[in-house]
PDB file of N, CA and C in Angstrom:
ATOM      1  N   UNK A   1       0.751  -1.051  -0.273  1.00  0.00           N
ATOM      2  CA  UNK A   1       0.017   0.192  -0.019  1.00  0.00           C
ATOM      3  C   UNK A   1       1.085   1.175   0.033  1.00  0.00           C
ATOM      4  N   UNK A   2       0.523   2.433  -0.890  1.00  0.00           N
ATOM      5  CA  UNK A   2       1.679   3.526  -0.949  1.00  0.00           C
ATOM      6  C   UNK A   2       0.962   4.468   0.414  1.00  0.00           C
ATOM      7  N   UNK A   3       2.427   4.741   0.651  1.00  0.00           N
ATOM      8  CA  UNK A   3       2.691   5.435   1.868  1.00  0.00           C
ATOM      9  C   UNK A   3       1.071   6.855   2.427  1.00  0.00           C
ATOM     10  N   UNK A   4       1.003   7.269   1.369  1.00  0.00           N
ATOM     11  CA  UNK A   4      -0.121   8.157   0.911  1.00  0.00           C
ATOM     12  C   UNK A   4      -1.220   7.720   1.775  1.00  0.00           C
ATOM     13  N   UNK A   5      -1.684   6.653   1.333  1.00  0.00           N
ATOM     14  CA  UNK A   5      -2.837   5.472   1.411  1.00  0.00           C
ATOM     15  C   UNK A   5      -3.171   5.694   2.896  1.00  0.00           C
ATOM     16  N   UNK A   6      -1.899   4.682   3.507  1.00  0.00           N
ATOM     17  CA  UNK A   6      -1.115   4.018   5.238  1.00  0.00           C
ATOM     18  C   UNK A   6      -1.928   5.767   6.427  1.00  0.00           C
ATOM     19  N   UNK A   7      -1.005   6.528   5.403  1.00  0.00           N
ATOM     20  CA  UNK A   7      -0.929   8.013   6.198  1.00  0.00           C
ATOM     21  C   UNK A   7      -2.514   8.736   6.158  1.00  0.00           C
ATOM     22  N   UNK A   8      -2.957   8.577   4.666  1.00  0.00           N
ATOM     23  CA  UNK A   8      -4.723   8.496   5.081  1.00  0.00           C
ATOM     24  C   UNK A   8      -5.361   7.447   6.919  1.00  0.00           C
ATOM     25  N   UNK A   9      -5.334   6.763   5.980  1.00  0.00           N
ATOM     26  CA  UNK A   9      -5.701   5.522   7.304  1.00  0.00           C
ATOM     27  C   UNK A   9      -5.799   5.727   8.857  1.00  0.00           C
ATOM     28  N   UNK A  10      -4.289   5.999   9.032  1.00  0.00           N
ATOM     29  CA  UNK A  10      -3.188   6.928  10.253  1.00  0.00           C
ATOM     30  C   UNK A  10      -4.533   7.623  10.308  1.00  0.00           C
ATOM     31  N   UNK A  11      -4.918   9.003   9.594  1.00  0.00           N
ATOM     32  CA  UNK A  11      -5.451  10.012  10.382  1.00  0.00           C
ATOM     33  C   UNK A  11      -7.149   9.355  10.191  1.00  0.00           C
ATOM     34  N   UNK A  12      -7.457   9.001   9.602  1.00  0.00           N
ATOM     35  CA  UNK A  12      -9.209   8.167   9.500  1.00  0.00           C
ATOM     36  C   UNK A  12      -9.016   7.580  10.924  1.00  0.00           C
ATOM     37  N   UNK A  13      -8.430   6.894  11.276  1.00  0.00           N
ATOM     38  CA  UNK A  13      -8.428   6.004  12.626  1.00  0.00           C
ATOM     39  C   UNK A  13      -8.499   7.251  14.109  1.00  0.00           C
ATOM     40  N   UNK A  14      -7.335   8.210  13.882  1.00  0.00           N
ATOM     41  CA  UNK A  14      -6.970   9.413  15.281  1.00  0.00           C
ATOM     42  C   UNK A  14      -8.180  10.035  14.658  1.00  0.00           C
ATOM     43  N   UNK A  15      -8.967  10.529  14.523  1.00  0.00           N
ATOM     44  CA  UNK A  15     -10.287  11.282  13.644  1.00  0.00           C
ATOM     45  C   UNK A  15     -11.218  10.073  14.460  1.00  0.00           C
ATOM     46  N   UNK A  16     -11.202   9.271  14.531  1.00  0.00           N
ATOM     47  CA  UNK A  16     -11.927   8.021  14.793  1.00  0.00           C
ATOM     48  C   UNK A  16     -11.869   7.796  16.581  1.00  0.00           C
ATOM     49  N   UNK A  17     -10.796   7.987  16.719  1.00  0.00           N
ATOM     50  CA  UNK A  17     -10.385   7.516  18.376  1.00  0.00           C
ATOM     51  C   UNK A  17     -10.706   9.242  18.986  1.00  0.00           C
ATOM     52  N   UNK A  18     -11.036  10.296  18.434  1.00  0.00           N
ATOM     53  CA  UNK A  18     -11.106  11.783  18.859  1.00  0.00           C
ATOM     54  C   UNK A  18     -12.459  11.172  19.290  1.00  0.00           C
ATOM     55  N   UNK A  19     -13.303  11.249  18.161  1.00  0.00           N
ATOM     56  CA  UNK A  19     -14.553  11.266  18.389  1.00  0.00           C
ATOM     57  C   UNK A  19     -15.532  10.308  19.892  1.00  0.00           C
ATOM     58  N   UNK A  20     -14.621   8.879  19.783  1.00  0.00           N
ATOM     59  CA  UNK A  20     -14.833   8.359  20.694  1.00  0.00           C
ATOM     60  C   UNK A  20     -13.981   9.145  22.088  1.00  0.00           C
ATOM     61  N   UNK A  21     -12.814   9.382  22.387  1.00  0.00           N
ATOM     62  CA  UNK A  21     -12.781  10.351  23.510  1.00  0.00           C
ATOM     63  C   UNK A  21     -14.039  11.177  23.647  1.00  0.00           C
ATOM     64  N   UNK A  22     -14.191  12.268  22.912  1.00  0.00           N
ATOM     65  CA  UNK A  22     -15.756  13.276  23.304  1.00  0.00           C
ATOM     66  C   UNK A  22     -16.488  12.904  23.679  1.00  0.00           C
ATOM     67  N   UNK A  23     -17.196  11.318  23.458  1.00  0.00           N
ATOM     68  CA  UNK A  23     -18.328  10.359  23.647  1.00  0.00           C
ATOM     69  C   UNK A  23     -18.103   9.934  25.281  1.00  0.00           C
ATOM     70  N   UNK A  24     -16.718  10.027  25.526  1.00  0.00           N
ATOM     71  CA  UNK A  24     -16.653   9.392  26.779  1.00  0.00           C
ATOM     72  C   UNK A  24     -16.617  10.443  27.277  1.00  0.00           C
ATOM     73  N   UNK A  25     -15.608  12.042  27.219  1.00  0.00           N
ATOM     74  CA  UNK A  25     -15.870  12.294  28.191  1.00  0.00           C
ATOM     75  C   UNK A  25     -16.851  13.004  28.453  1.00  0.00           C
ATOM     76  N   UNK A  26     -18.006  13.217  27.526  1.00  0.00           N
ATOM     77  CA  UNK A  26     -19.388  13.883  27.489  1.00  0.00           C
ATOM     78  C   UNK A  26     -20.080  12.622  28.461  1.00  0.00           C
ATOM     79  N   UNK A  27     -19.741  11.562  28.785  1.00  0.00           N
ATOM     80  CA  UNK A  27     -20.420  10.425  29.583  1.00  0.00           C
ATOM     81  C   UNK A  27     -20.154  10.848  30.664  1.00  0.00           C
ATOM     82  N   UNK A  28     -18.833  10.841  31.518  1.00  0.00           N
ATOM     83  CA  UNK A  28     -17.701  11.785  32.557  1.00  0.00           C
ATOM     84  C   UNK A  28     -18.913  12.561  32.451  1.00  0.00           C
ATOM     85  N   UNK A  29     -19.299  13.610  32.092  1.00  0.00           N
ATOM     86  CA  UNK A  29     -19.572  14.942  32.401  1.00  0.00           C
ATOM     87  C   UNK A  29     -20.886  14.926  32.768  1.00  0.00           C
ATOM     88  N   UNK A  30     -21.663  14.328  31.788  1.00  0.00           N
ATOM     89  CA  UNK A  30     -23.038  13.376  32.029  1.00  0.00           C
ATOM     90  C   UNK A  30     -23.135  12.498  33.574  1.00  0.00           C
ATOM     91  N   UNK A  31     -21.807  12.115  33.945  1.00  0.00           N
ATOM     92  CA  UNK A  31     -21.861  10.958  34.931  1.00  0.00           C
ATOM     93  C   UNK A  31     -21.599  12.003  36.859  1.00  0.00           C
ATOM     94  N   UNK A  32     -21.341  12.360  36.397  1.00  0.00           N
ATOM     95  CA  UNK A  32     -20.712  13.688  37.519  1.00  0.00           C
ATOM     96  C   UNK A  32     -22.008  13.942  37.777  1.00  0.00           C
ATOM     97  N   UNK A  33     -22.765  14.834  36.571  1.00  0.00           N
ATOM     98  CA  UNK A  33     -24.214  15.297  36.909  1.00  0.00           C
ATOM     99  C   UNK A  33     -24.885  14.323  37.719  1.00  0.00           C
ATOM    100  N   UNK A  34     -25.378  13.357  37.464  1.00  0.00           N
ATOM    101  CA  UNK A  34     -25.943  12.634  38.025  1.00  0.00           C
ATOM    102  C   UNK A  34     -26.188  12.298  39.315  1.00  0.00           C
ATOM    103  N   UNK A  35     -24.956  12.207  39.226  1.00  0.00           N
ATOM    104  CA  UNK A  35     -24.121  11.727  40.733  1.00  0.00           C
ATOM    105  C   UNK A  35     -24.699  13.126  41.782  1.00  0.00           C
ATOM    106  N   UNK A  36     -24.027  14.713  41.289  1.00  0.00           N
ATOM    107  CA  UNK A  36     -24.169  15.252  41.938  1.00  0.00           C
ATOM    108  C   UNK A  36     -25.929  15.980  42.376  1.00  0.00           C
ATOM    109  N   UNK A  37     -25.963  15.396  41.301  1.00  0.00           N
ATOM    110  CA  UNK A  37     -27.912  15.784  40.785  1.00  0.00           C
ATOM    111  C   UNK A  37     -28.769  14.629  42.201  1.00  0.00           C
ATOM    112  N   UNK A  38     -28.351  12.733  42.088  1.00  0.00           N
ATOM    113  CA  UNK A  38     -29.281  12.545  42.849  1.00  0.00           C
ATOM    114  C   UNK A  38     -27.974  13.018  44.725  1.00  0.00           C
ATOM    115  N   UNK A  39     -27.262  13.559  44.598  1.00  0.00           N
ATOM    116  CA  UNK A  39     -26.663  13.866  46.848  1.00  0.00           C
ATOM    117  C   UNK A  39     -27.942  14.906  46.866  1.00  0.00           C
ATOM    118  N   UNK A  40     -28.363  15.775  45.891  1.00  0.00           N
ATOM    119  CA  UNK A  40     -29.278  16.888  46.265  1.00  0.00           C
ATOM    120  C   UNK A  40     -30.543  16.675  46.688  1.00  0.00           C
ATOM    121  N   UNK A  41     -31.056  15.233  45.409  1.00  0.00           N
ATOM    122  CA  UNK A  41     -31.625  15.250  45.683  1.00  0.00           C
ATOM    123  C   UNK A  41     -32.351  14.038  47.320  1.00  0.00           C
ATOM    124  N   UNK A  42     -31.839  13.552  47.472  1.00  0.00           N
ATOM    125  CA  UNK A  42     -31.358  12.806  48.532  1.00  0.00           C
ATOM    126  C   UNK A  42     -31.519  13.257  49.549  1.00  0.00           C
ATOM    127  N   UNK A  43     -30.918  15.090  49.219  1.00  0.00           N
ATOM    128  CA  UNK A  43     -30.545  15.782  50.671  1.00  0.00           C
ATOM    129  C   UNK A  43     -32.061  15.749  50.854  1.00  0.00           C
ATOM    130  N   UNK A  44     -32.455  16.870  50.040  1.00  0.00           N
ATOM    131  CA  UNK A  44     -34.385  17.858  49.739  1.00  0.00           C
ATOM    132  C   UNK A  44     -35.183  16.833  49.874  1.00  0.00           C
ATOM    133  N   UNK A  45     -35.059  15.695  48.818  1.00  0.00           N
ATOM    134  CA  UNK A  45     -36.924  15.341  48.592  1.00  0.00           C
ATOM    135  C   UNK A  45     -37.081  13.801  49.899  1.00  0.00           C
ATOM    136  N   UNK A  46     -35.967  13.423  49.453  1.00  0.00           N
ATOM    137  CA  UNK A  46     -35.978  11.223  50.256  1.00  0.00           C
ATOM    138  C   UNK A  46     -35.272  11.269  51.416  1.00  0.00           C
ATOM    139  N   UNK A  47     -34.890  12.152  52.637  1.00  0.00           N
ATOM    140  CA  UNK A  47     -35.003  11.442  53.347  1.00  0.00           C
ATOM    141  C   UNK A  47     -35.011  10.660  54.167  1.00  0.00           C
ATOM    142  N   UNK A  48     -35.804   9.979  53.718  1.00  0.00           N
ATOM    143  CA  UNK A  48     -36.116   8.509  54.561  1.00  0.00           C
ATOM    144  C   UNK A  48     -36.714   7.798  53.666  1.00  0.00           C
ATOM    145  N   UNK A  49     -36.112   6.786  52.667  1.00  0.00           N
ATOM    146  CA  UNK A  49     -37.386   6.779  51.339  1.00  0.00           C
ATOM    147  C   UNK A  49     -36.621   4.825  52.211  1.00  0.00           C
ATOM    148  N   UNK A  50     -38.078   4.563  52.699  1.00  0.00           N
ATOM    149  CA  UNK A  50     -38.565   2.782  53.136  1.00  0.00           C
ATOM    150  C   UNK A  50     -38.891   2.086  51.728  1.00  0.00           C
ATOM    151  N   UNK A  51     -38.351   1.530  51.706  1.00  0.00           N
ATOM    152  CA  UNK A  51     -39.108   0.108  50.858  1.00  0.00           C
ATOM    153  C   UNK A  51     -38.201   0.769  49.627  1.00  0.00           C
ATOM    154  N   UNK A  52     -37.128   1.496  49.347  1.00  0.00           N
ATOM    155  CA  UNK A  52     -36.566   1.043  48.849  1.00  0.00           C
ATOM    156  C   UNK A  52     -34.782   1.337  48.781  1.00  0.00           C
ATOM    157  N   UNK A  53     -33.882   1.248  47.126  1.00  0.00           N
ATOM    158  CA  UNK A  53     -32.401   0.783  47.514  1.00  0.00           C
ATOM    159  C   UNK A  53     -31.351   2.112  47.774  1.00  0.00           C
ATOM    160  N   UNK A  54     -31.174   2.014  48.984  1.00  0.00           N
ATOM    161  CA  UNK A  54     -30.455   3.361  49.422  1.00  0.00           C
ATOM    162  C   UNK A  54     -29.620   3.484  49.133  1.00  0.00           C
ATOM    163  N   UNK A  55     -30.376   4.837  48.746  1.00  0.00           N
ATOM    164  CA  UNK A  55     -29.440   5.906  47.811  1.00  0.00           C
ATOM    165  C   UNK A  55     -28.108   6.075  48.128  1.00  0.00           C
ATOM    166  N   UNK A  56     -27.533   5.608  48.866  1.00  0.00           N
ATOM    167  CA  UNK A  56     -26.417   5.590  49.751  1.00  0.00           C
ATOM    168  C   UNK A  56     -25.128   4.949  48.438  1.00  0.00           C
ATOM    169  N   UNK A  57     -25.650   3.448  47.794  1.00  0.00           N
ATOM    170  CA  UNK A  57     -25.670   2.390  47.862  1.00  0.00           C
ATOM    171  C   UNK A  57     -25.851   2.770  45.677  1.00  0.00           C
ATOM    172  N   UNK A  58     -26.390   3.722  45.460  1.00  0.00           N
ATOM    173  CA  UNK A  58     -26.722   4.117  44.249  1.00  0.00           C
ATOM    174  C   UNK A  58     -25.782   4.852  43.794  1.00  0.00           C
ATOM    175  N   UNK A  59     -25.364   5.583  44.715  1.00  0.00           N
ATOM    176  CA  UNK A  59     -24.165   6.435  44.539  1.00  0.00           C
ATOM    177  C   UNK A  59     -22.963   5.938  44.842  1.00  0.00           C
ATOM    178  N   UNK A  60     -22.538   4.866  45.352  1.00  0.00           N
ATOM    179  CA  UNK A  60     -21.191   4.036  45.296  1.00  0.00           C
ATOM    180  C   UNK A  60     -21.425   3.359  43.937  1.00  0.00           C
ATOM    181  N   UNK A  61     -22.202   3.386  42.937  1.00  0.00           N
ATOM    182  CA  UNK A  61     -22.250   2.537  41.805  1.00  0.00           C
ATOM    183  C   UNK A  61     -21.961   3.299  41.490  1.00  0.00           C
ATOM    184  N   UNK A  62     -22.409   4.705  41.668  1.00  0.00           N
ATOM    185  CA  UNK A  62     -22.465   5.499  39.945  1.00  0.00           C
ATOM    186  C   UNK A  62     -20.231   5.821  40.437  1.00  0.00           C
ATOM    187  N   UNK A  63     -20.409   6.340  41.470  1.00  0.00           N
ATOM    188  CA  UNK A  63     -18.699   6.440  41.662  1.00  0.00           C
ATOM    189  C   UNK A  63     -17.900   5.201  40.881  1.00  0.00           C
ATOM    190  N   UNK A  64     -18.605   3.845  41.614  1.00  0.00           N
ATOM    191  CA  UNK A  64     -17.908   2.797  40.481  1.00  0.00           C
ATOM    192  C   UNK A  64     -18.182   2.858  38.682  1.00  0.00           C
ATOM    193  N   UNK A  65     -18.716   3.559  38.259  1.00  0.00           N
ATOM    194  CA  UNK A  65     -19.076   3.074  37.335  1.00  0.00           C
ATOM    195  C   UNK A  65     -18.063   4.628  37.029  1.00  0.00           C
ATOM    196  N   UNK A  66     -17.959   5.943  37.407  1.00  0.00           N
ATOM    197  CA  UNK A  66     -17.043   6.576  36.859  1.00  0.00           C
ATOM    198  C   UNK A  66     -15.640   5.897  36.400  1.00  0.00           C
ATOM    199  N   UNK A  67     -15.126   4.978  37.873  1.00  0.00           N
ATOM    200  CA  UNK A  67     -13.922   4.708  37.919  1.00  0.00           C
ATOM    201  C   UNK A  67     -13.633   4.255  36.711  1.00  0.00           C
ATOM    202  N   UNK A  68     -13.997   2.940  36.748  1.00  0.00           N
ATOM    203  CA  UNK A  68     -14.602   1.630  35.236  1.00  0.00           C
ATOM    204  C   UNK A  68     -14.241   2.841  33.709  1.00  0.00           C
ATOM    205  N   UNK A  69     -15.280   3.915  33.895  1.00  0.00           N
ATOM    206  CA  UNK A  69     -14.899   4.592  32.944  1.00  0.00           C
ATOM    207  C   UNK A  69     -13.430   5.268  32.649  1.00  0.00           C
ATOM    208  N   UNK A  70     -12.986   6.235  33.788  1.00  0.00           N
ATOM    209  CA  UNK A  70     -11.684   6.449  33.999  1.00  0.00           C
ATOM    210  C   UNK A  70     -10.526   5.843  33.593  1.00  0.00           C
ATOM    211  N   UNK A  71     -10.627   4.348  33.851  1.00  0.00           N
ATOM    212  CA  UNK A  71      -9.499   3.032  33.087  1.00  0.00           C
ATOM    213  C   UNK A  71      -9.777   3.197  32.461  1.00  0.00           C
ATOM    214  N   UNK A  72     -10.814   3.543  31.157  1.00  0.00           N
ATOM    215  CA  UNK A  72     -10.820   2.799  30.024  1.00  0.00           C
ATOM    216  C   UNK A  72     -10.283   3.865  29.099  1.00  0.00           C
ATOM    217  N   UNK A  73     -10.906   5.253  29.312  1.00  0.00           N
ATOM    218  CA  UNK A  73     -10.049   6.297  29.135  1.00  0.00           C
ATOM    219  C   UNK A  73      -8.804   6.385  29.285  1.00  0.00           C
ATOM    220  N   UNK A  74      -8.226   5.939  29.962  1.00  0.00           N
ATOM    221  CA  UNK A  74      -6.832   6.166  30.323  1.00  0.00           C
ATOM    222  C   UNK A  74      -5.864   4.534  29.367  1.00  0.00           C
ATOM    223  N   UNK A  75      -6.399   4.062  29.095  1.00  0.00           N
ATOM    224  CA  UNK A  75      -6.628   2.656  27.563  1.00  0.00           C
ATOM    225  C   UNK A  75      -6.954   3.105  26.758  1.00  0.00           C
ATOM    226  N   UNK A  76      -7.886   4.062  26.387  1.00  0.00           N
ATOM    227  CA  UNK A  76      -7.773   4.969  25.315  1.00  0.00           C
ATOM    228  C   UNK A  76      -6.695   5.483  24.818  1.00  0.00           C
ATOM    229  N   UNK A  77      -6.205   6.124  25.572  1.00  0.00           N
ATOM    230  CA  UNK A  77      -5.582   7.212  25.548  1.00  0.00           C
ATOM    231  C   UNK A  77      -3.885   6.382  25.206  1.00  0.00           C
ATOM    232  N   UNK A  78      -3.799   5.663  25.767  1.00  0.00           N
ATOM    233  CA  UNK A  78      -2.749   4.530  25.221  1.00  0.00           C
ATOM    234  C   UNK A  78      -2.571   3.681  24.272  1.00  0.00           C
ATOM    235  N   UNK A  79      -3.644   4.028  24.042  1.00  0.00           N
ATOM    236  CA  UNK A  79      -3.864   3.006  22.210  1.00  0.00           C
ATOM    237  C   UNK A  79      -3.479   4.417  21.066  1.00  0.00           C
ATOM    238  N   UNK A  80      -4.138   5.520  21.649  1.00  0.00           N
ATOM    239  CA  UNK A  80      -3.896   7.108  20.709  1.00  0.00           C
ATOM    240  C   UNK A  80      -2.582   7.231  20.953  1.00  0.00           C
ATOM    241  N   UNK A  81      -1.451   6.771  21.343  1.00  0.00           N
ATOM    242  CA  UNK A  81       0.151   6.990  20.874  1.00  0.00           C
ATOM    243  C   UNK A  81      -0.425   8.579  21.890  1.00  0.00           C
TER     244      UNK A  81
END
């Protein structure tokens, strides 16, 4: 394959990786917003929610998802060079 074609493919791959990176950055921002919103709602609207899943547990699950996302982003950046 000619060098120009290889460079074109590399550029396309880098552009696609950049798009994925932006998608995951937005997901991270969205998760952060959800976490803050849940904390606010728990404090103001649901001080004692009986019979439902513990809101603190839900927040911990969101934090765990966010942590896994950050690990994924680190791996993505390593692949991006």
